[in-house]
């Protein structure tokens, strides 16, 4: 006897419902987080800069308070030549929100106009650059993984306008012997536009060729250290006037 397709579906529904019920999970209950939107820090975020002070940051070499200038509009501007800065805390996997602006009065071209960068774990750079009307090599423009991957599109705004980066950074995985198990990845929204989609980071930015090293020398420092765990986030002094505001992080792992 043939059973019509509809009757067959009806007869299997109780078994399907039972199987699905067995897959239901009730614990752990996700933490309740208040998300304010429009770039505002959610309730579980670590606020790195809210316009009041740079207490979450230090000079990368001396560990002293940064000499960058805090402005009346609650932004902070690179003071060229004073040095790059890093967070006092160390991080691995993170969600990062950061807003930045280049100076419309600044003169320059290519890599000498509105240049800065974000170094994840002090090693892997996402580029900041005036790229609205400033041609340069495409894997060095705003939104690029510097010298590795060009952005999918150029979402830049004109100099003087605030821009946003929303980034998911997944750190590399190492085994207990210091062997690389998985590379780092980055997903980047520039002004709300996806420009890096789970992009593989090929290795450190500032070595002759991208590479991963369990023991390495972080950007602009001397002396080897363990580079397999949490490390500070860095903002670069490249000698140009770049301003930042509303910087916060959410940690995505428990390492």
Protein backbone atom coordinates (compact mmCIF):
# COMPACT_ATOMS: atom_id res chain seq x y z
CA UNK A 1 0.00 0.00 0.00
CA UNK A 2 1.34 3.41 -0.97
CA UNK A 3 1.19 6.24 1.62
CA UNK A 4 0.69 9.70 0.20
CA UNK A 5 3.61 12.09 0.82
CA UNK A 6 1.56 14.41 3.04
CA UNK A 7 0.42 11.49 5.25
CA UNK A 8 4.00 10.28 5.48
CA UNK A 9 5.11 13.68 6.78
CA UNK A 10 2.28 13.74 9.33
CA UNK A 11 3.20 10.29 10.61
CA UNK A 12 6.84 11.28 11.14
CA UNK A 13 6.09 14.53 12.99
CA UNK A 14 5.90 13.00 16.51
CA UNK A 15 9.29 11.34 16.06
CA UNK A 16 10.75 14.54 14.65
CA UNK A 17 9.42 16.59 17.56
CA UNK A 18 10.90 14.10 20.04
CA UNK A 19 14.30 14.19 18.33
CA UNK A 20 14.29 17.99 18.32
CA UNK A 21 13.25 18.11 21.98
CA UNK A 22 16.29 16.01 22.88
CA UNK A 23 18.53 18.67 21.29
CA UNK A 24 17.23 21.51 23.47
CA UNK A 25 19.82 23.07 25.80
CA UNK A 26 18.88 25.15 28.85
CA UNK A 27 22.26 25.94 30.45
CA UNK A 28 24.42 27.93 30.68
CA UNK A 29 22.08 30.89 30.32
CA UNK A 30 23.69 33.70 28.23
CA UNK A 31 24.57 36.79 30.23
CA UNK A 32 22.20 39.72 29.69
CA UNK A 33 24.06 42.58 27.97
CA UNK A 34 22.69 46.03 27.30
CA UNK A 35 23.50 47.07 23.73
CA UNK A 36 23.03 50.80 23.17
CA UNK A 37 23.79 50.89 19.44
CA UNK A 38 25.38 53.65 17.35
CA UNK A 39 28.85 52.62 18.47
CA UNK A 40 28.13 53.07 22.18
CA UNK A 41 29.89 50.58 24.44
CA UNK A 42 27.66 47.66 25.52
CA UNK A 43 27.36 46.96 29.22
CA UNK A 44 30.02 44.21 29.23
CA UNK A 45 32.62 46.19 27.27
CA UNK A 46 36.05 47.26 28.48
CA UNK A 47 36.20 50.98 27.71
CA UNK A 48 39.70 51.90 26.58
CA UNK A 49 39.03 55.56 25.81
CA UNK A 50 35.91 57.62 26.52
CA UNK A 51 37.44 61.06 26.11
CA UNK A 52 38.41 61.65 29.72
CA UNK A 53 41.90 60.19 30.08
CA UNK A 54 44.46 57.73 28.71
CA UNK A 55 44.80 55.71 31.89
CA UNK A 56 44.16 52.46 29.99
CA UNK A 57 47.19 53.15 27.78
CA UNK A 58 50.96 53.48 28.05
CA UNK A 59 53.94 54.33 25.85
CA UNK A 60 55.04 51.07 24.22
CA UNK A 61 58.70 51.36 25.24
CA UNK A 62 58.74 53.30 28.51
CA UNK A 63 55.42 52.30 30.02
CA UNK A 64 54.82 55.98 30.82
CA UNK A 65 51.57 57.87 30.35
CA UNK A 66 51.12 58.67 26.62
CA UNK A 67 51.90 62.19 25.41
CA UNK A 68 49.08 62.18 22.85
CA UNK A 69 46.74 65.19 23.09
CA UNK A 70 43.23 64.88 24.55
CA UNK A 71 40.91 67.39 22.87
CA UNK A 72 37.86 69.32 24.03
CA UNK A 73 35.61 67.15 21.81
CA UNK A 74 36.66 64.07 23.86
CA UNK A 75 38.95 62.72 21.16
CA UNK A 76 42.67 62.06 21.36
CA UNK A 77 45.20 62.99 18.65
CA UNK A 78 48.60 61.50 17.90
CA UNK A 79 51.41 63.91 18.78
CA UNK A 80 53.88 62.94 16.03
CA UNK A 81 57.20 61.72 17.30
CA UNK A 82 56.05 60.92 20.83
CA UNK A 83 55.69 57.22 20.07
CA UNK A 84 53.09 54.53 19.63
CA UNK A 85 50.88 53.51 22.53
CA UNK A 86 49.51 50.22 23.83
CA UNK A 87 46.89 49.04 26.27
CA UNK A 88 48.02 48.29 29.79
CA UNK A 89 45.92 45.13 29.63
CA UNK A 90 46.60 42.26 27.26
CA UNK A 91 44.06 40.59 24.98
CA UNK A 92 43.62 37.70 22.55
CA UNK A 93 40.23 37.21 20.84
CA UNK A 94 38.26 40.47 20.87
CA UNK A 95 35.51 42.57 19.40
CA UNK A 96 36.87 46.09 18.92
CA UNK A 97 35.03 49.33 18.21
CA UNK A 98 37.13 52.36 17.36
CA UNK A 99 36.42 55.69 15.66
CA UNK A 100 39.10 57.68 13.89
CA UNK A 101 39.57 60.85 11.87
CA UNK A 102 42.36 62.28 9.73
CA UNK A 103 43.24 65.98 9.65
CA UNK A 104 41.98 67.80 6.51
CA UNK A 105 44.70 70.45 6.88
CA UNK A 106 47.55 67.95 6.87
CA UNK A 107 49.75 67.82 3.78
CA UNK A 108 51.07 64.63 2.26
CA UNK A 109 50.25 61.82 -0.12
CA UNK A 110 50.14 58.06 -0.16
CA UNK A 111 51.45 56.60 3.08
CA UNK A 112 52.35 60.03 4.51
CA UNK A 113 48.73 61.22 4.76
CA UNK A 114 46.62 60.23 7.75
CA UNK A 115 48.61 57.10 8.49
CA UNK A 116 48.23 55.07 11.67
CA UNK A 117 47.42 51.46 12.46
CA UNK A 118 45.92 49.03 14.93
CA UNK A 119 48.24 46.22 16.00
CA UNK A 120 46.40 43.21 17.39
CA UNK A 121 48.47 41.35 20.00
CA UNK A 122 51.20 43.92 19.16
CA UNK A 123 51.93 41.94 15.98
CA UNK A 124 49.27 42.08 13.25
CA UNK A 125 48.26 45.40 11.69
CA UNK A 126 44.98 46.68 10.33
CA UNK A 127 45.74 49.89 8.45
CA UNK A 128 44.38 53.38 9.11
CA UNK A 129 44.99 55.87 6.29
CA UNK A 130 43.40 58.81 4.50
CA UNK A 131 42.03 56.81 1.56
CA UNK A 132 39.08 58.86 0.30
CA UNK A 133 41.09 60.52 -2.49
CA UNK A 134 44.64 59.41 -1.79
CA UNK A 135 45.91 56.64 -4.10
CA UNK A 136 48.44 54.16 -2.73
CA UNK A 137 49.11 50.43 -2.95
CA UNK A 138 45.81 48.70 -2.25
CA UNK A 139 47.08 46.42 0.52
CA UNK A 140 48.20 49.56 2.34
CA UNK A 141 45.01 51.62 2.16
CA UNK A 142 42.43 52.04 4.92
CA UNK A 143 40.75 48.77 5.81
CA UNK A 144 43.61 46.59 4.63
CA UNK A 145 45.47 43.95 6.58
CA UNK A 146 48.68 45.82 6.00
CA UNK A 147 50.82 44.39 3.16
CA UNK A 148 48.66 41.25 3.10
CA UNK A 149 45.05 41.83 2.06
CA UNK A 150 43.35 44.78 0.35
CA UNK A 151 39.85 45.68 1.56
CA UNK A 152 36.93 44.29 -0.42
CA UNK A 153 35.78 47.87 -1.11
CA UNK A 154 36.93 51.38 -0.23
CA UNK A 155 34.42 52.65 2.36
CA UNK A 156 36.43 55.74 3.30
CA UNK A 157 34.98 59.15 4.12
CA UNK A 158 36.70 62.48 3.35
CA UNK A 159 39.42 63.81 5.65
CA UNK A 160 37.99 65.53 8.70
CA UNK A 161 34.97 63.21 8.98
CA UNK A 162 34.75 60.60 11.70
CA UNK A 163 35.01 56.99 10.56
CA UNK A 164 34.35 53.76 12.43
CA UNK A 165 35.97 50.36 12.57
CA UNK A 166 34.12 47.40 14.05
CA UNK A 167 36.43 44.41 14.15
CA UNK A 168 36.28 40.78 15.21
CA UNK A 169 39.80 39.50 15.80
CA UNK A 170 40.47 35.80 16.42
CA UNK A 171 43.98 35.15 17.66
CA UNK A 172 46.24 32.35 16.40
CA UNK A 173 46.16 29.00 18.19
CA UNK A 174 49.31 27.29 19.44
CA UNK A 175 49.95 23.93 21.06
CA UNK A 176 51.90 23.49 24.29
CA UNK A 177 55.15 23.09 22.32
CA UNK A 178 54.75 26.39 20.49
CA UNK A 179 53.58 24.91 17.19
CA UNK A 180 51.01 26.91 15.25
CA UNK A 181 47.66 25.12 15.10
CA UNK A 182 45.55 27.82 13.41
CA UNK A 183 46.31 31.33 12.10
CA UNK A 184 44.66 34.56 13.19
CA UNK A 185 41.56 35.87 11.42
CA UNK A 186 39.99 39.30 11.16
CA UNK A 187 36.55 40.53 10.15
CA UNK A 188 36.28 44.28 9.64
CA UNK A 189 33.36 46.64 9.07
CA UNK A 190 34.53 50.09 7.92
CA UNK A 191 31.77 52.67 8.39
CA UNK A 192 29.32 49.78 8.60
CA UNK A 193 30.54 48.18 5.35
CA UNK A 194 32.17 44.73 5.36
CA UNK A 195 35.72 45.11 4.00
CA UNK A 196 37.46 42.03 5.49
CA UNK A 197 35.39 38.83 5.75
CA UNK A 198 37.00 36.34 8.14
CA UNK A 199 40.32 37.10 6.46
CA UNK A 200 43.31 34.93 7.33
CA UNK A 201 46.25 36.91 8.72
CA UNK A 202 49.38 35.46 7.13
CA UNK A 203 51.71 36.41 9.97
CA UNK A 204 53.40 39.37 11.62
CA UNK A 205 53.24 42.66 9.76
CA UNK A 206 56.74 44.03 10.19
CA UNK A 207 58.92 41.00 9.32
CA UNK A 208 60.43 40.71 5.79
CA UNK A 209 57.71 38.15 4.96
CA UNK A 210 54.60 37.42 7.04
CA UNK A 211 55.32 34.66 9.52
CA UNK A 212 54.23 33.28 12.87
CA UNK A 213 56.73 32.82 15.68
CA UNK A 214 56.00 31.46 19.13
CA UNK A 215 58.86 33.58 20.47
CA UNK A 216 59.03 36.91 18.70
CA UNK A 217 59.86 40.60 19.02
CA UNK A 218 56.66 42.71 19.00
CA UNK A 219 56.37 45.81 16.82
CA UNK A 220 58.84 48.61 17.72
CA UNK A 221 60.31 46.69 20.66
CA UNK A 222 63.53 44.84 21.36
CA UNK A 223 64.00 41.45 22.97
CA UNK A 224 62.13 38.23 22.40
CA UNK A 225 59.07 37.28 24.38
CA UNK A 226 56.35 34.63 24.37
CA UNK A 227 53.92 35.59 21.59
CA UNK A 228 51.47 32.70 21.97
CA UNK A 229 49.21 34.29 24.59
CA UNK A 230 47.53 37.58 25.33
CA UNK A 231 49.40 40.74 24.34
CA UNK A 232 48.53 44.46 24.31
CA UNK A 233 46.58 46.22 21.57
CA UNK A 234 48.59 49.03 19.96
CA UNK A 235 47.86 52.29 18.16
CA UNK A 236 50.61 53.56 15.90
CA UNK A 237 52.36 56.93 15.83
CA UNK A 238 53.33 57.05 12.14
CA UNK A 239 54.10 60.76 12.25
CA UNK A 240 50.70 61.99 11.04
CA UNK A 241 47.79 63.72 12.78
CA UNK A 242 45.18 61.02 13.37
CA UNK A 243 42.52 61.34 16.07
CA UNK A 244 40.59 58.63 17.91
CA UNK A 245 37.49 58.45 20.07
CA UNK A 246 35.06 55.94 21.58
CA UNK A 247 37.38 52.93 21.84
CA UNK A 248 36.07 49.80 23.52
CA UNK A 249 36.67 46.06 23.53
CA UNK A 250 34.72 42.95 24.38
CA UNK A 251 36.82 39.88 25.17
CA UNK A 252 35.66 36.82 23.28
CA UNK A 253 37.56 34.10 25.12
CA UNK A 254 38.67 33.09 28.59
CA UNK A 255 42.39 32.69 28.02
